[in-house]
Structures are given as C-alpha cells and as structure tokens.
Amino acid sequence: MRLTGKVELDIFCKKYKECSYKESFQEWHDIVKKANWDKPSDVLDTFNKTDPNCRTNSNSIVCIFDRICGSRLICSIDYVIKSVRIHEVLSHDEYMEEKWKDKY
C-alpha cells in the first residue's frame, strides 16, 4: 500500500514524548507498506484492533487504527489504488472527545 500523511506520526511523537511511539509507528508503517488490502476484512486480518468502517458525522468512512499507549490513527483507505492516507493521530483522550468526527 502507498502511505501518505506520515508527517502526522512525527508531529504526534514530538508532542507525546512519554511513550515510545516511534518504534510502534515504524512497525505499523512497515506492515502497511507491505500490505495489499482489497477490502476492510483484509485490514482486520492484519490489525485486529482496527475499525475499518468507522462512519464520521458527514457520513464518510475512515479507518481507525488502535496503537500503543492508547493512540488512534485516523486514516482513509482507497482499496482500488492501494493507498492509505493518515489524517490524524490522536491520544486516547483526544479521540474520545470525538471532535475528529466533524473533520472528515
């Protein structure tokens, strides 16, 4: 899969230095780059702590990856062109506020 929006991972790692996110994100990044997902169930086969069909307030569908230390990666996946776009990385508390549901 082609991966875009990686700068969001760096921004998050700089903001939350108390957890070792960088190693976890690098592992996630490497797995995603090698993946060849055709449908949401393929994502679940790779990452079982994922919601590949999360609906936003505008009725868009995003994929929520649950990562180390409670962070969440909000992404969109285009299965046709084999692309994953990282929109945002949030702490557990930021995610639970659900403000992100109004953005996408």
Protein backbone atom coordinates (compact mmCIF):
# COMPACT_ATOMS: atom_id res chain seq x y z
CA MET A 1 0.00 0.00 0.00
CA ARG A 2 1.15 3.53 -0.68
CA LEU A 3 1.21 5.56 2.53
CA THR A 4 0.74 9.34 2.74
CA GLY A 5 0.48 11.71 5.68
CA LYS A 6 3.45 10.25 7.57
CA VAL A 7 4.27 13.71 8.91
CA GLU A 8 1.31 13.23 11.31
CA LEU A 9 3.24 10.42 13.02
CA ASP A 10 6.25 12.70 13.58
CA ILE A 11 4.07 15.50 14.92
CA PHE A 12 2.45 13.13 17.40
CA CYS A 13 5.80 11.67 18.54
CA LYS A 14 7.16 15.16 19.22
CA LYS A 15 4.03 16.13 21.18
CA TYR A 16 3.88 12.96 23.33
CA LYS A 17 7.43 12.01 24.25
CA GLU A 18 6.46 9.98 27.34
CA CYS A 19 5.65 6.86 25.31
CA SER A 20 7.90 5.14 22.83
CA TYR A 21 5.55 5.70 19.89
CA LYS A 22 8.26 5.99 17.28
CA GLU A 23 9.13 2.27 17.31
CA SER A 24 5.46 1.25 17.29
CA PHE A 25 4.64 3.60 14.42
CA GLN A 26 7.64 2.40 12.43
CA GLU A 27 6.47 -1.19 12.81
CA TRP A 28 2.92 -0.18 11.75
CA HIS A 29 4.33 1.80 8.80
CA ASP A 30 6.42 -1.14 7.60
CA ILE A 31 3.48 -3.55 7.79
CA VAL A 32 1.15 -1.17 5.93
CA LYS A 33 3.72 -0.56 3.17
CA LYS A 34 3.96 -4.32 2.54
CA ALA A 35 0.20 -4.91 2.72
CA ASN A 36 -2.04 -5.48 -0.30
CA TRP A 37 -5.52 -4.84 1.07
CA ASP A 38 -8.55 -5.26 -1.19
CA LYS A 39 -11.32 -4.83 1.39
CA PRO A 40 -11.89 -3.90 5.05
CA SER A 41 -11.66 -7.50 6.25
CA ASP A 42 -8.09 -7.64 4.90
CA VAL A 43 -7.19 -4.76 7.23
CA LEU A 44 -8.71 -6.67 10.15
CA ASP A 45 -6.70 -9.75 9.21
CA THR A 46 -3.54 -7.63 9.56
CA PHE A 47 -4.54 -5.45 12.52
CA ASN A 48 -7.30 -6.94 14.64
CA LYS A 49 -7.61 -3.81 16.83
CA THR A 50 -8.94 -1.72 13.99
CA ASP A 51 -12.26 -0.29 12.90
CA PRO A 52 -12.00 -0.17 9.09
CA ASN A 53 -15.58 1.11 8.64
CA CYS A 54 -15.95 3.95 11.11
CA ARG A 55 -18.56 6.48 9.98
CA THR A 56 -17.98 10.19 10.61
CA ASN A 57 -20.62 12.86 11.15
CA SER A 58 -20.50 13.73 7.44
CA ASN A 59 -21.15 10.06 6.63
CA SER A 60 -17.62 9.46 5.34
CA ILE A 61 -15.87 6.23 6.20
CA VAL A 62 -12.47 6.26 7.86
CA CYS A 63 -10.31 3.53 9.32
CA ILE A 64 -9.30 3.82 12.98
CA PHE A 65 -6.11 2.01 13.93
CA ASP A 66 -5.65 1.44 17.67
CA ARG A 67 -1.95 1.78 18.52
CA ILE A 68 0.40 1.68 21.52
CA CYS A 69 -0.29 3.81 24.61
CA GLY A 70 -3.88 4.32 23.51
CA SER A 71 -3.19 6.44 20.43
CA ARG A 72 -5.50 6.27 17.43
CA LEU A 73 -4.59 6.74 13.77
CA ILE A 74 -7.43 8.12 11.69
CA CYS A 75 -6.90 7.11 8.08
CA SER A 76 -8.72 6.73 4.82
CA ILE A 77 -8.04 3.72 2.63
CA ASP A 78 -8.53 3.53 -1.11
CA TYR A 79 -8.54 -0.16 -1.93
CA VAL A 80 -8.58 0.41 -5.70
CA ILE A 81 -5.39 2.48 -5.92
CA LYS A 82 -3.86 0.77 -2.85
CA SER A 83 -3.42 3.91 -0.76
CA VAL A 84 -3.60 4.70 2.96
CA ARG A 85 -3.81 8.35 3.98
CA ILE A 86 -3.06 9.26 7.60
CA HIS A 87 -5.32 12.16 8.51
CA GLU A 88 -4.59 12.49 12.19
CA VAL A 89 -3.01 10.77 15.17
CA LEU A 90 -4.75 11.32 18.49
CA SER A 91 -4.22 10.42 22.12
CA HIS A 92 -6.92 8.33 23.76
CA ASP A 93 -8.44 11.43 25.41
CA GLU A 94 -8.44 13.42 22.16
CA TYR A 95 -10.05 10.51 20.35
CA MET A 96 -12.77 10.11 22.98
CA GLU A 97 -13.79 13.78 22.60
CA GLU A 98 -14.93 12.77 19.08
CA LYS A 99 -14.17 16.19 17.58
CA TRP A 100 -12.39 14.34 14.76
CA LYS A 101 -15.77 13.02 13.56
CA ASP A 102 -16.63 16.53 12.33
CA LYS A 103 -13.43 16.87 10.26
CA TYR A 104 -13.74 14.00 7.80
